[in-house]
Each structure stands twice: as structure tokens, then as C-alpha cells.
Amino acid sequence: MRLSTKGRYGVLAMVELALQYGKGPLSIKEIAERQNFSDSYMEQLFSALKMAGLVKSLRGAHGGYILARDPNDIIVGEIIRALEGPIELADCVNGDEGFTCIKSPECVTKSLWKDINDSISNIIDNRSLQDLLTK
């Protein structure tokens, strides 16, 4: 199990915007330089973040990206899911439509996978960008 660079870099990029909150936009180039990320990779991430309504883009000479909401109101789980998709430790845990496990009736590990999945979700869904800044 490993969170991809999409999720990890996306959260770090959003922290950069949270640090800048209320002070104006940051360009992808500035964010990429601050975090030592590739500009093109950041563009891919910001496209997904914008589609999820987490960031807004501002055009013009002093354009760039800003948070769509206050850092207190943006939850880490939203960022990760926007970039990675749903948190799924196992297909059987999230009740995936059309998925039927042949071991389902007697599976002794399903509750373990669900507990782990729920624990991860509980942590990322109860931490805001502001929480990350104050730690």
C-alpha cells in the first residue's frame, strides 16, 4: 500500500496555496520551484484539483491559482480523493457495484480491511489544510 505522488504532491501543493491564502495567487511555476516538482506534473494535478472545485485559476500577468475555500474548509481527504480516486483497500470493502467475491459469505478478513479503510478515511477526513499548517 502506497499513496502515489499524485496524492502526496497534491497535498503539498495545496499547503503552498494555504500558506499564501489571502495574499494573492501562486503560479504553477512558483509552486513547482518551492517544492522541487516538475511544472508539467503540477499542471496535471491542478487540472484535477480545479475540476474538483478545490482551487480557482486567475488569468493575467499576476495570475495563478488560489484556494477555492478557506484552508479550514478544505479537507485532506477531498484533495487525495480528487487526485487518487476513492480510498479502496480491497474491492469487497466499498461495496463496488458488480463486484462479487467468491469468498464473501465466509471471509474472515473483510472486517479487517474495512477497519483499516475506515481508519485511513477517518484520519484524512478529519484534517484540514489549516490543521497541517498549525502542526
C-alpha atoms as a PDB file:
ATOM      1  CA  MET A   1       0.000   0.000   0.000  1.00  0.00           C
ATOM      2  CA  ARG A   2       1.357   3.311  -1.019  1.00  0.00           C
ATOM      3  CA  LEU A   3      -0.094   6.705  -1.771  1.00  0.00           C
ATOM      4  CA  SER A   4       1.110   7.813  -5.197  1.00  0.00           C
ATOM      5  CA  THR A   5       2.959  11.034  -5.916  1.00  0.00           C
ATOM      6  CA  LYS A   6      -0.342  12.490  -7.143  1.00  0.00           C
ATOM      7  CA  GLY A   7      -1.770  12.459  -3.641  1.00  0.00           C
ATOM      8  CA  ARG A   8       1.435  13.360  -1.816  1.00  0.00           C
ATOM      9  CA  TYR A   9       2.482  16.155  -4.169  1.00  0.00           C
ATOM     10  CA  GLY A  10      -1.079  17.413  -4.433  1.00  0.00           C
ATOM     11  CA  VAL A  11      -1.390  17.848  -0.679  1.00  0.00           C
ATOM     12  CA  LEU A  12       1.980  19.643  -0.556  1.00  0.00           C
ATOM     13  CA  ALA A  13       0.964  21.955  -3.413  1.00  0.00           C
ATOM     14  CA  MET A  14      -2.286  22.756  -1.619  1.00  0.00           C
ATOM     15  CA  VAL A  15      -0.318  23.542   1.546  1.00  0.00           C
ATOM     16  CA  GLU A  16       1.662  26.075  -0.515  1.00  0.00           C
ATOM     17  CA  LEU A  17      -1.606  27.720  -1.554  1.00  0.00           C
ATOM     18  CA  ALA A  18      -2.830  27.637   2.050  1.00  0.00           C
ATOM     19  CA  LEU A  19       0.335  29.449   3.167  1.00  0.00           C
ATOM     20  CA  GLN A  20      -0.430  32.089   0.509  1.00  0.00           C
ATOM     21  CA  TYR A  21      -4.157  32.284   1.334  1.00  0.00           C
ATOM     22  CA  GLY A  22      -5.452  35.851   1.207  1.00  0.00           C
ATOM     23  CA  LYS A  23      -2.205  37.183  -0.296  1.00  0.00           C
ATOM     24  CA  GLY A  24      -2.924  36.524  -3.969  1.00  0.00           C
ATOM     25  CA  PRO A  25      -2.359  33.728  -6.452  1.00  0.00           C
ATOM     26  CA  LEU A  26       0.662  31.490  -6.933  1.00  0.00           C
ATOM     27  CA  SER A  27       1.734  30.286 -10.345  1.00  0.00           C
ATOM     28  CA  ILE A  28       2.353  26.629 -11.042  1.00  0.00           C
ATOM     29  CA  LYS A  29       5.979  27.551 -11.674  1.00  0.00           C
ATOM     30  CA  GLU A  30       6.300  29.110  -8.196  1.00  0.00           C
ATOM     31  CA  ILE A  31       4.698  26.100  -6.513  1.00  0.00           C
ATOM     32  CA  ALA A  32       6.839  23.685  -8.521  1.00  0.00           C
ATOM     33  CA  GLU A  33      10.020  25.600  -7.632  1.00  0.00           C
ATOM     34  CA  ARG A  34       9.155  25.774  -3.920  1.00  0.00           C
ATOM     35  CA  GLN A  35       8.521  22.032  -3.743  1.00  0.00           C
ATOM     36  CA  ASN A  36      11.054  20.947  -6.390  1.00  0.00           C
ATOM     37  CA  PHE A  37       8.344  19.394  -8.598  1.00  0.00           C
ATOM     38  CA  SER A  38       8.011  19.356 -12.376  1.00  0.00           C
ATOM     39  CA  ASP A  39       5.837  22.150 -13.851  1.00  0.00           C
ATOM     40  CA  SER A  40       4.089  19.750 -16.218  1.00  0.00           C
ATOM     41  CA  TYR A  41       3.233  17.321 -13.416  1.00  0.00           C
ATOM     42  CA  MET A  42       1.842  20.198 -11.337  1.00  0.00           C
ATOM     43  CA  GLU A  43      -0.337  21.254 -14.288  1.00  0.00           C
ATOM     44  CA  GLN A  44      -1.880  17.774 -14.389  1.00  0.00           C
ATOM     45  CA  LEU A  45      -2.573  17.865 -10.659  1.00  0.00           C
ATOM     46  CA  PHE A  46      -4.033  21.366 -10.737  1.00  0.00           C
ATOM     47  CA  SER A  47      -6.335  20.435 -13.586  1.00  0.00           C
ATOM     48  CA  ALA A  48      -7.852  17.714 -11.372  1.00  0.00           C
ATOM     49  CA  LEU A  49      -7.930  19.996  -8.311  1.00  0.00           C
ATOM     50  CA  LYS A  50      -9.724  22.676 -10.312  1.00  0.00           C
ATOM     51  CA  MET A  51     -12.277  20.166 -11.634  1.00  0.00           C
ATOM     52  CA  ALA A  52     -12.918  19.102  -8.023  1.00  0.00           C
ATOM     53  CA  GLY A  53     -13.593  22.724  -7.051  1.00  0.00           C
ATOM     54  CA  LEU A  54     -10.649  22.915  -4.656  1.00  0.00           C
ATOM     55  CA  VAL A  55      -8.715  25.648  -6.475  1.00  0.00           C
ATOM     56  CA  LYS A  56      -9.546  28.557  -8.751  1.00  0.00           C
ATOM     57  CA  SER A  57      -7.356  29.869 -11.536  1.00  0.00           C
ATOM     58  CA  LEU A  58      -6.814  33.568 -12.139  1.00  0.00           C
ATOM     59  CA  ARG A  59      -5.639  34.785 -15.519  1.00  0.00           C
ATOM     60  CA  GLY A  60      -3.351  37.660 -16.332  1.00  0.00           C
ATOM     61  CA  ALA A  61       0.172  38.838 -15.693  1.00  0.00           C
ATOM     62  CA  HIS A  62      -0.170  38.208 -11.961  1.00  0.00           C
ATOM     63  CA  GLY A  63      -2.396  35.172 -12.339  1.00  0.00           C
ATOM     64  CA  GLY A  64      -2.064  31.723 -10.916  1.00  0.00           C
ATOM     65  CA  TYR A  65      -4.034  29.589  -8.500  1.00  0.00           C
ATOM     66  CA  ILE A  66      -5.780  30.291  -5.220  1.00  0.00           C
ATOM     67  CA  LEU A  67      -7.723  28.053  -2.867  1.00  0.00           C
ATOM     68  CA  ALA A  68     -11.426  27.911  -3.685  1.00  0.00           C
ATOM     69  CA  ARG A  69     -12.251  27.933   0.037  1.00  0.00           C
ATOM     70  CA  ASP A  70     -10.679  28.835   3.350  1.00  0.00           C
ATOM     71  CA  PRO A  71      -7.901  26.417   4.433  1.00  0.00           C
ATOM     72  CA  ASN A  72     -10.105  25.412   7.394  1.00  0.00           C
ATOM     73  CA  ASP A  73     -12.770  24.242   4.960  1.00  0.00           C
ATOM     74  CA  ILE A  74     -10.604  22.094   2.687  1.00  0.00           C
ATOM     75  CA  ILE A  75     -10.182  18.575   3.992  1.00  0.00           C
ATOM     76  CA  VAL A  76      -7.127  16.464   3.142  1.00  0.00           C
ATOM     77  CA  GLY A  77      -9.408  13.589   2.142  1.00  0.00           C
ATOM     78  CA  GLU A  78     -11.002  15.782  -0.540  1.00  0.00           C
ATOM     79  CA  ILE A  79      -7.594  16.510  -2.052  1.00  0.00           C
ATOM     80  CA  ILE A  80      -6.461  12.902  -2.026  1.00  0.00           C
ATOM     81  CA  ARG A  81      -9.721  11.603  -3.498  1.00  0.00           C
ATOM     82  CA  ALA A  82      -9.703  14.297  -6.203  1.00  0.00           C
ATOM     83  CA  LEU A  83      -6.261  13.111  -7.294  1.00  0.00           C
ATOM     84  CA  GLU A  84      -6.264   9.406  -6.457  1.00  0.00           C
ATOM     85  CA  GLY A  85      -9.916   8.412  -6.590  1.00  0.00           C
ATOM     86  CA  PRO A  86     -11.697   6.588  -3.772  1.00  0.00           C
ATOM     87  CA  ILE A  87      -9.735   5.080  -0.909  1.00  0.00           C
ATOM     88  CA  GLU A  88     -10.069   1.342  -1.520  1.00  0.00           C
ATOM     89  CA  LEU A  89      -8.006  -1.128   0.388  1.00  0.00           C
ATOM     90  CA  ALA A  90      -9.924  -4.056  -1.098  1.00  0.00           C
ATOM     91  CA  ASP A  91     -12.688  -4.343  -3.692  1.00  0.00           C
ATOM     92  CA  CYS A  92     -15.029  -6.024  -1.238  1.00  0.00           C
ATOM     93  CA  VAL A  93     -14.911  -3.217   1.337  1.00  0.00           C
ATOM     94  CA  ASN A  94     -16.572  -0.387  -0.549  1.00  0.00           C
ATOM     95  CA  GLY A  95     -19.424  -2.403  -1.957  1.00  0.00           C
ATOM     96  CA  ASP A  96     -18.164  -1.953  -5.501  1.00  0.00           C
ATOM     97  CA  GLU A  97     -21.103  -2.333  -7.893  1.00  0.00           C
ATOM     98  CA  GLY A  98     -20.829  -5.552  -9.832  1.00  0.00           C
ATOM     99  CA  PHE A  99     -18.004  -6.962  -7.701  1.00  0.00           C
ATOM    100  CA  THR A 100     -18.756 -10.280  -6.072  1.00  0.00           C
ATOM    101  CA  CYS A 101     -16.091 -12.013  -4.043  1.00  0.00           C
ATOM    102  CA  ILE A 102     -16.393 -15.776  -4.139  1.00  0.00           C
ATOM    103  CA  LYS A 103     -15.235 -15.905  -0.513  1.00  0.00           C
ATOM    104  CA  SER A 104     -17.623 -13.213   0.705  1.00  0.00           C
ATOM    105  CA  PRO A 105     -20.003 -15.361   2.776  1.00  0.00           C
ATOM    106  CA  GLU A 106     -17.211 -16.878   4.882  1.00  0.00           C
ATOM    107  CA  CYS A 107     -14.479 -14.252   4.543  1.00  0.00           C
ATOM    108  CA  VAL A 108     -12.753 -13.691   7.860  1.00  0.00           C
ATOM    109  CA  THR A 109     -10.637 -10.752   6.696  1.00  0.00           C
ATOM    110  CA  LYS A 110     -13.297  -8.454   5.223  1.00  0.00           C
ATOM    111  CA  SER A 111     -13.879  -6.715   8.560  1.00  0.00           C
ATOM    112  CA  LEU A 112     -10.109  -6.197   8.942  1.00  0.00           C
ATOM    113  CA  TRP A 113      -9.881  -4.499   5.526  1.00  0.00           C
ATOM    114  CA  LYS A 114     -12.930  -2.395   6.338  1.00  0.00           C
ATOM    115  CA  ASP A 115     -11.467  -1.297   9.700  1.00  0.00           C
ATOM    116  CA  ILE A 116      -8.176  -0.293   8.056  1.00  0.00           C
ATOM    117  CA  ASN A 117     -10.038   1.519   5.278  1.00  0.00           C
ATOM    118  CA  ASP A 118     -12.229   3.327   7.828  1.00  0.00           C
ATOM    119  CA  SER A 119      -9.186   4.305   9.910  1.00  0.00           C
ATOM    120  CA  ILE A 120      -7.429   5.859   6.919  1.00  0.00           C
ATOM    121  CA  SER A 121     -10.606   7.700   5.918  1.00  0.00           C
ATOM    122  CA  ASN A 122     -11.134   8.897   9.482  1.00  0.00           C
ATOM    123  CA  ILE A 123      -7.676  10.472   9.589  1.00  0.00           C
ATOM    124  CA  ILE A 124      -7.723  12.167   6.180  1.00  0.00           C
ATOM    125  CA  ASP A 125     -11.342  13.285   6.547  1.00  0.00           C
ATOM    126  CA  ASN A 126     -10.694  14.981   9.888  1.00  0.00           C
ATOM    127  CA  ARG A 127      -7.652  17.057   8.916  1.00  0.00           C
ATOM    128  CA  SER A 128      -7.944  20.356   7.111  1.00  0.00           C
ATOM    129  CA  LEU A 129      -5.218  22.262   5.310  1.00  0.00           C
ATOM    130  CA  GLN A 130      -5.248  24.649   8.270  1.00  0.00           C
ATOM    131  CA  ASP A 131      -4.578  21.737  10.615  1.00  0.00           C
ATOM    132  CA  LEU A 132      -1.480  20.870   8.586  1.00  0.00           C
ATOM    133  CA  LEU A 133      -0.244  24.458   8.837  1.00  0.00           C
ATOM    134  CA  THR A 134      -0.625  24.587  12.610  1.00  0.00           C
ATOM    135  CA  LYS A 135       1.149  21.271  13.341  1.00  0.00           C
END
